[in-house]
Amino acid sequence: MEIRKIIPVDKDEIWEIIHEVISSGDTYTFAPDSSEDEMLAFWYAEDKYSYVAVEDGKIVGTFFMKNNQPGLGSHVANAGYMVPSRAAGKGVGKAMCVFSLAEAKRLGFYAMQFNFVVKTNERAVRLWQKIGFQIVGEIPDAFNHKELGLTNAYIMYKKL
């Protein structure tokens, strides 16, 4: 698997992944009906470092990193990862996260923080913990889960 920065020709495959992931309404705060233009503008924005994981010429995952906060909070990175169902359980998320931690450190970040990990996304929570992230906070009723209604979200942190 190769992980590289996104390029313009990746847009169609990235959109397919984003659309599938947000349509479920169970892991990301993006509205399930967010438009392709809106989501690609977010993913390709200048304030982000965005990447894809490629296997056999096909994009099997994508993620972005950015400053978690501006100014005096800019030494902490934030990131978001997406893997389509066809690549789930194959180590793509883990590979992207491990890569992003090394890349964040290379870019000068001191730590990485996930501001909003939906508590019911147990697979992601376990993976992030396995990689060394700690739950440092829990926000009650922070996410309006498509099926479960109001659900808590975790704040997770890892020093680099």
Foldseek 3Di string as FASTA:
>chain_A
DDKDFDDPVCLVQVLVQVLQVVLQQAWDQPHNPDDSVVVVCVQPPPQWGKMFDDDPRHTFKIKIKGQPDPDPSRLEIEMDITGHPVCPPVCPVVVVVVVVVVVSVVVRHFKYKYQWGFPVVVVVVVSVVVVPKDFPDKAFQPGQGPPPGRTITTMIMDTD
